[in-house]
Structures are given as C-alpha cells and as structure tokens.
Amino acid sequence: MGTALALDVKAYRRLLPGLLSEHRGKFVLIRAADQIQIFDTRDEALAEGYKRFKREPFFVSEIEPLEALVEVTHGLEPCRT
C-alpha cells in the first residue's frame, strides 16, 4: 500500500472514528494522507479537490461506517471524442 491513493485510503480509515463522531453523512477531502476539509455535499468536495489539486490524485468519501461512497481521481484520462 504505497501509492498516493492507497495512503489516502489508509488515512481515511485512521481518521474515520473521529470523523464519524463529528461529521457523519458529510464528505471528506483527503490529499497526501492529510484531511483537507469537510463538505456538506459530494459535489462541493470534488469541486474543491479539482480546484486545489488539478489533475493530481485526491480522495473523497462520504463519512459513513461502511464507506458508502469512495471517489477515485487517480489515473483518470480526459475524455476524447
């Protein structure tokens, strides 16, 4: 588990107990294994991630015990038509 995304997932799991107690149902943005910010919606979290990190990988997840939502931005390529 050495990739940037793997480290972010590991950080999420480490932070999860505290996140659940204060922010359950909201969305967390994690980058480089650090909690960046909490958001009310998935769209807000993604928008901030893209604004701050451009095409660099970052992690967004709904704060739920079963990891209800995981957004992966690592390795995405632009759509070409």
Protein backbone atom coordinates (compact mmCIF):
# COMPACT_ATOMS: atom_id res chain seq x y z
CA MET A 1 0.00 0.00 0.00
CA GLY A 2 2.40 2.66 -1.19
CA THR A 3 0.54 4.63 -3.87
CA ALA A 4 -0.84 8.08 -3.11
CA LEU A 5 -4.42 6.78 -3.28
CA ALA A 6 -3.63 3.83 -1.02
CA LEU A 7 -2.11 6.19 1.54
CA ASP A 8 -5.22 8.40 1.38
CA VAL A 9 -7.50 5.39 1.94
CA LYS A 10 -5.34 4.34 4.88
CA ALA A 11 -5.57 7.89 6.29
CA TYR A 12 -9.37 7.84 5.87
CA ARG A 13 -9.62 4.61 7.85
CA ARG A 14 -7.36 6.05 10.55
CA LEU A 15 -9.41 9.27 10.75
CA LEU A 16 -12.81 7.57 10.48
CA PRO A 17 -13.68 7.23 14.20
CA GLY A 18 -13.22 10.95 14.79
CA LEU A 19 -14.91 11.88 11.53
CA LEU A 20 -17.95 9.75 12.39
CA SER A 21 -18.37 11.36 15.78
CA GLU A 22 -18.49 14.90 14.35
CA HIS A 23 -19.26 14.73 10.62
CA ARG A 24 -21.23 11.58 9.80
CA GLY A 25 -23.07 11.90 6.48
CA LYS A 26 -20.81 14.68 5.21
CA PHE A 27 -17.89 14.31 2.78
CA VAL A 28 -14.18 14.43 3.47
CA LEU A 29 -11.43 15.51 1.07
CA ILE A 30 -8.06 13.88 1.72
CA ARG A 31 -4.81 14.57 -0.14
CA ALA A 32 -1.36 13.20 0.64
CA ALA A 33 -2.77 11.33 3.67
CA ASP A 34 -3.95 14.60 5.30
CA GLN A 35 -7.53 15.60 5.98
CA ILE A 36 -8.05 18.74 3.94
CA GLN A 37 -11.65 19.75 4.55
CA ILE A 38 -15.19 18.56 5.34
CA PHE A 39 -18.09 19.37 2.96
CA ASP A 40 -21.86 19.04 3.05
CA THR A 41 -22.06 17.56 -0.45
CA ARG A 42 -20.02 15.30 -2.70
CA ASP A 43 -20.08 17.93 -5.45
CA GLU A 44 -18.57 20.56 -3.13
CA ALA A 45 -15.79 18.18 -2.09
CA LEU A 46 -14.97 17.23 -5.68
CA ALA A 47 -15.05 20.85 -6.86
CA GLU A 48 -12.59 21.88 -4.15
CA GLY A 49 -10.34 18.90 -4.90
CA TYR A 50 -10.17 19.76 -8.59
CA LYS A 51 -9.71 23.46 -7.85
CA ARG A 52 -6.81 22.88 -5.46
CA PHE A 53 -5.11 19.83 -6.93
CA LYS A 54 -6.00 20.00 -10.63
CA ARG A 55 -5.15 16.58 -12.08
CA GLU A 56 -3.22 15.34 -9.07
CA PRO A 57 -4.84 12.42 -7.22
CA PHE A 58 -7.08 13.12 -4.24
CA PHE A 59 -9.64 11.13 -2.26
CA VAL A 60 -13.27 11.97 -1.47
CA SER A 61 -15.58 9.81 0.61
CA GLU A 62 -18.88 10.10 2.38
CA ILE A 63 -18.26 9.77 6.10
CA GLU A 64 -20.08 6.56 6.91
CA PRO A 65 -19.09 3.42 8.82
CA LEU A 66 -19.29 1.23 5.72
CA GLU A 67 -17.54 3.68 3.40
CA ALA A 68 -20.73 4.22 1.42
CA LEU A 69 -19.04 6.30 -1.27
CA VAL A 70 -15.47 6.42 -2.46
CA GLU A 71 -14.41 8.74 -5.26
CA VAL A 72 -11.20 7.90 -7.04
CA THR A 73 -9.50 10.50 -9.21
CA HIS A 74 -6.17 8.72 -9.59
CA GLY A 75 -5.24 7.86 -13.14
CA LEU A 76 -8.17 9.49 -14.91
CA GLU A 77 -7.66 10.47 -18.51
CA PRO A 78 -9.61 13.26 -20.25
CA CYS A 79 -12.45 12.08 -22.45
CA ARG A 80 -11.57 12.36 -26.14
CA THR A 81 -14.26 12.29 -28.80
